Amino acid sequence: SMADVVIFDAPPIITVNDASLLASQVDGVLLVVKAGGTKRDHVKAAKDRLEKVNARLVGAVLTNAKADAALQYN
């Protein structure tokens, strides 16, 4: 009753089971991916784990992306 939104931060879902347990208990999950640091197969595995526990994946955040790299795709 004291807050409209509560944000939980969890360890990487690939390495620790706590994140999967937490993901199944919250209203939505944002998947945070480090550009140039997170392997594609780890992102896929994380998404699969979230689906397995019926987590609601509401989006993804890409961190450490270079702005000039994004312009190359326009």
N, C-alpha and C. Protein backbone atom coordinates (compact mmCIF):
# COMPACT_ATOMS: atom_id res chain seq x y z
N SER A 1 0.81 -1.20 0.00
CA SER A 1 0.00 0.00 0.00
C SER A 1 0.86 1.27 0.00
N MET A 2 2.16 1.13 0.20
CA MET A 2 3.04 2.30 0.26
C MET A 2 3.65 2.65 -1.09
N ALA A 3 3.52 1.77 -2.08
CA ALA A 3 4.14 2.03 -3.39
C ALA A 3 3.26 1.47 -4.50
N ASP A 4 3.31 2.15 -5.64
CA ASP A 4 2.59 1.67 -6.82
C ASP A 4 3.38 0.60 -7.56
N VAL A 5 4.71 0.75 -7.54
CA VAL A 5 5.59 -0.17 -8.25
C VAL A 5 6.76 -0.55 -7.35
N VAL A 6 7.08 -1.82 -7.31
CA VAL A 6 8.25 -2.30 -6.59
C VAL A 6 9.12 -3.03 -7.60
N ILE A 7 10.40 -2.67 -7.64
CA ILE A 7 11.33 -3.28 -8.59
C ILE A 7 12.29 -4.20 -7.83
N PHE A 8 12.39 -5.45 -8.30
CA PHE A 8 13.32 -6.42 -7.73
C PHE A 8 14.47 -6.59 -8.71
N ASP A 9 15.66 -6.67 -8.18
CA ASP A 9 16.83 -6.97 -8.99
C ASP A 9 17.26 -8.39 -8.61
N ALA A 10 17.53 -9.21 -9.61
CA ALA A 10 17.88 -10.60 -9.35
C ALA A 10 19.20 -10.94 -10.04
N PRO A 11 19.88 -11.95 -9.55
CA PRO A 11 21.11 -12.40 -10.21
C PRO A 11 20.78 -12.99 -11.58
N PRO A 12 21.79 -13.19 -12.40
CA PRO A 12 21.55 -13.77 -13.73
C PRO A 12 20.76 -15.08 -13.64
N ILE A 13 19.76 -15.20 -14.47
CA ILE A 13 18.87 -16.36 -14.44
C ILE A 13 19.59 -17.64 -14.87
N ILE A 14 20.65 -17.50 -15.64
CA ILE A 14 21.40 -18.67 -16.12
C ILE A 14 22.21 -19.30 -14.99
N THR A 15 22.71 -18.48 -14.06
CA THR A 15 23.63 -19.01 -13.05
C THR A 15 22.97 -19.34 -11.71
N VAL A 16 21.84 -18.70 -11.41
CA VAL A 16 21.23 -18.86 -10.09
C VAL A 16 19.74 -19.16 -10.24
N ASN A 17 19.24 -20.13 -9.53
CA ASN A 17 17.84 -20.52 -9.61
C ASN A 17 16.90 -19.51 -8.94
N ASP A 18 17.44 -18.65 -8.06
CA ASP A 18 16.61 -17.67 -7.36
C ASP A 18 15.84 -16.78 -8.32
N ALA A 19 16.47 -16.41 -9.42
CA ALA A 19 15.84 -15.52 -10.39
C ALA A 19 14.60 -16.18 -11.00
N SER A 20 14.66 -17.46 -11.29
CA SER A 20 13.51 -18.17 -11.83
C SER A 20 12.37 -18.21 -10.84
N LEU A 21 12.69 -18.45 -9.59
CA LEU A 21 11.66 -18.49 -8.55
C LEU A 21 11.01 -17.12 -8.37
N LEU A 22 11.82 -16.07 -8.36
CA LEU A 22 11.29 -14.72 -8.23
C LEU A 22 10.45 -14.34 -9.44
N ALA A 23 10.92 -14.70 -10.63
CA ALA A 23 10.21 -14.35 -11.87
C ALA A 23 8.80 -14.92 -11.91
N SER A 24 8.62 -16.06 -11.30
CA SER A 24 7.30 -16.69 -11.31
C SER A 24 6.33 -16.04 -10.32
N GLN A 25 6.84 -15.16 -9.46
CA GLN A 25 6.01 -14.57 -8.41
C GLN A 25 5.70 -13.09 -8.64
N VAL A 26 6.29 -12.47 -9.66
CA VAL A 26 6.08 -11.04 -9.90
C VAL A 26 5.17 -10.83 -11.10
N ASP A 27 4.71 -9.60 -11.28
CA ASP A 27 3.78 -9.29 -12.36
C ASP A 27 4.45 -9.23 -13.73
N GLY A 28 5.73 -8.90 -13.79
CA GLY A 28 6.41 -8.80 -15.08
C GLY A 28 7.91 -8.84 -14.91
N VAL A 29 8.59 -9.24 -15.98
CA VAL A 29 10.04 -9.39 -15.97
C VAL A 29 10.64 -8.64 -17.15
N LEU A 30 11.72 -7.89 -16.88
CA LEU A 30 12.53 -7.29 -17.93
C LEU A 30 13.83 -8.08 -18.02
N LEU A 31 14.17 -8.52 -19.19
CA LEU A 31 15.41 -9.27 -19.40
C LEU A 31 16.49 -8.27 -19.78
N VAL A 32 17.56 -8.19 -18.99
CA VAL A 32 18.65 -7.26 -19.24
C VAL A 32 19.79 -8.01 -19.92
N VAL A 33 20.21 -7.49 -21.08
CA VAL A 33 21.23 -8.14 -21.91
C VAL A 33 22.37 -7.15 -22.15
N LYS A 34 23.59 -7.56 -21.88
CA LYS A 34 24.76 -6.71 -22.08
C LYS A 34 25.28 -6.87 -23.51
N ALA A 35 25.28 -5.78 -24.26
CA ALA A 35 25.77 -5.80 -25.64
C ALA A 35 27.25 -6.19 -25.65
N GLY A 36 27.57 -7.17 -26.48
CA GLY A 36 28.95 -7.62 -26.59
C GLY A 36 29.41 -8.48 -25.43
N GLY A 37 28.53 -8.74 -24.47
CA GLY A 37 28.94 -9.51 -23.31
C GLY A 37 28.07 -10.73 -23.05
N THR A 38 26.81 -10.66 -23.44
CA THR A 38 25.89 -11.77 -23.23
C THR A 38 25.80 -12.57 -24.52
N LYS A 39 26.04 -13.86 -24.42
CA LYS A 39 25.98 -14.72 -25.61
C LYS A 39 24.54 -14.97 -26.01
N ARG A 40 24.31 -15.09 -27.31
CA ARG A 40 22.96 -15.32 -27.83
C ARG A 40 22.32 -16.56 -27.22
N ASP A 41 23.09 -17.63 -27.08
CA ASP A 41 22.50 -18.85 -26.53
C ASP A 41 22.11 -18.68 -25.07
N HIS A 42 22.79 -17.78 -24.34
CA HIS A 42 22.41 -17.51 -22.96
C HIS A 42 21.11 -16.71 -22.91
N VAL A 43 20.93 -15.79 -23.85
CA VAL A 43 19.68 -15.03 -23.91
C VAL A 43 18.52 -15.98 -24.22
N LYS A 44 18.73 -16.87 -25.17
CA LYS A 44 17.70 -17.86 -25.53
C LYS A 44 17.39 -18.76 -24.33
N ALA A 45 18.43 -19.22 -23.63
CA ALA A 45 18.22 -20.08 -22.46
C ALA A 45 17.48 -19.34 -21.36
N ALA A 46 17.80 -18.07 -21.16
CA ALA A 46 17.10 -17.26 -20.15
C ALA A 46 15.63 -17.12 -20.51
N LYS A 47 15.35 -16.84 -21.77
CA LYS A 47 13.96 -16.71 -22.22
C LYS A 47 13.21 -18.03 -22.02
N ASP A 48 13.86 -19.14 -22.36
CA ASP A 48 13.25 -20.46 -22.18
C ASP A 48 12.94 -20.74 -20.71
N ARG A 49 13.86 -20.37 -19.81
CA ARG A 49 13.63 -20.59 -18.38
C ARG A 49 12.46 -19.75 -17.88
N LEU A 50 12.38 -18.50 -18.37
CA LEU A 50 11.27 -17.64 -17.97
C LEU A 50 9.94 -18.22 -18.43
N GLU A 51 9.91 -18.73 -19.65
CA GLU A 51 8.69 -19.35 -20.16
C GLU A 51 8.34 -20.60 -19.36
N LYS A 52 9.34 -21.35 -18.95
CA LYS A 52 9.12 -22.59 -18.21
C LYS A 52 8.44 -22.34 -16.86
N VAL A 53 8.75 -21.20 -16.23
CA VAL A 53 8.13 -20.89 -14.94
C VAL A 53 6.91 -19.97 -15.09
N ASN A 54 6.46 -19.81 -16.34
CA ASN A 54 5.29 -18.97 -16.66
C ASN A 54 5.46 -17.51 -16.24
N ALA A 55 6.69 -17.01 -16.36
CA ALA A 55 6.95 -15.60 -16.08
C ALA A 55 6.42 -14.76 -17.23
N ARG A 56 5.97 -13.57 -16.92
CA ARG A 56 5.46 -12.65 -17.94
C ARG A 56 6.62 -11.75 -18.38
N LEU A 57 7.23 -12.06 -19.51
CA LEU A 57 8.34 -11.27 -20.06
C LEU A 57 7.74 -10.05 -20.74
N VAL A 58 7.97 -8.88 -20.17
CA VAL A 58 7.37 -7.65 -20.71
C VAL A 58 8.31 -6.90 -21.66
N GLY A 59 9.58 -7.29 -21.67
CA GLY A 59 10.51 -6.63 -22.58
C GLY A 59 11.95 -6.97 -22.24
N ALA A 60 12.83 -6.31 -22.97
CA ALA A 60 14.27 -6.51 -22.76
C ALA A 60 14.96 -5.16 -22.79
N VAL A 61 16.08 -5.08 -22.09
CA VAL A 61 16.91 -3.87 -22.05
C VAL A 61 18.29 -4.25 -22.53
N LEU A 62 18.83 -3.50 -23.49
CA LEU A 62 20.18 -3.72 -23.99
C LEU A 62 21.09 -2.69 -23.37
N THR A 63 22.07 -3.14 -22.60
CA THR A 63 23.01 -2.23 -21.95
C THR A 63 24.35 -2.24 -22.68
N ASN A 64 25.13 -1.19 -22.45
CA ASN A 64 26.49 -1.05 -22.99
C ASN A 64 26.55 -1.04 -24.51
N ALA A 65 25.47 -0.68 -25.16
CA ALA A 65 25.47 -0.60 -26.63
C ALA A 65 26.05 0.75 -27.02
N LYS A 66 26.89 0.75 -28.03
CA LYS A 66 27.47 1.99 -28.52
C LYS A 66 26.47 2.69 -29.43
N ALA A 67 26.29 3.97 -29.24
CA ALA A 67 25.33 4.73 -30.03
C ALA A 67 25.67 4.72 -31.51
N ASP A 68 26.94 4.81 -31.86
CA ASP A 68 27.33 4.82 -33.27
C ASP A 68 27.08 3.48 -33.94
N ALA A 69 27.10 2.39 -33.18
CA ALA A 69 26.81 1.07 -33.73
C ALA A 69 25.35 0.97 -34.13
N ALA A 70 24.47 1.58 -33.35
CA ALA A 70 23.04 1.55 -33.66
C ALA A 70 22.75 2.32 -34.94
N LEU A 71 23.50 3.35 -35.21
CA LEU A 71 23.27 4.15 -36.43
C LEU A 71 23.63 3.40 -37.69
N GLN A 72 24.47 2.39 -37.59
CA GLN A 72 24.88 1.62 -38.76
C GLN A 72 23.71 0.83 -39.35
N TYR A 73 22.69 0.56 -38.57
CA TYR A 73 21.58 -0.27 -39.03
C TYR A 73 20.43 0.54 -39.62
N ASN A 74 20.54 1.85 -39.62
CA ASN A 74 19.48 2.70 -40.18
C ASN A 74 19.62 2.87 -41.67
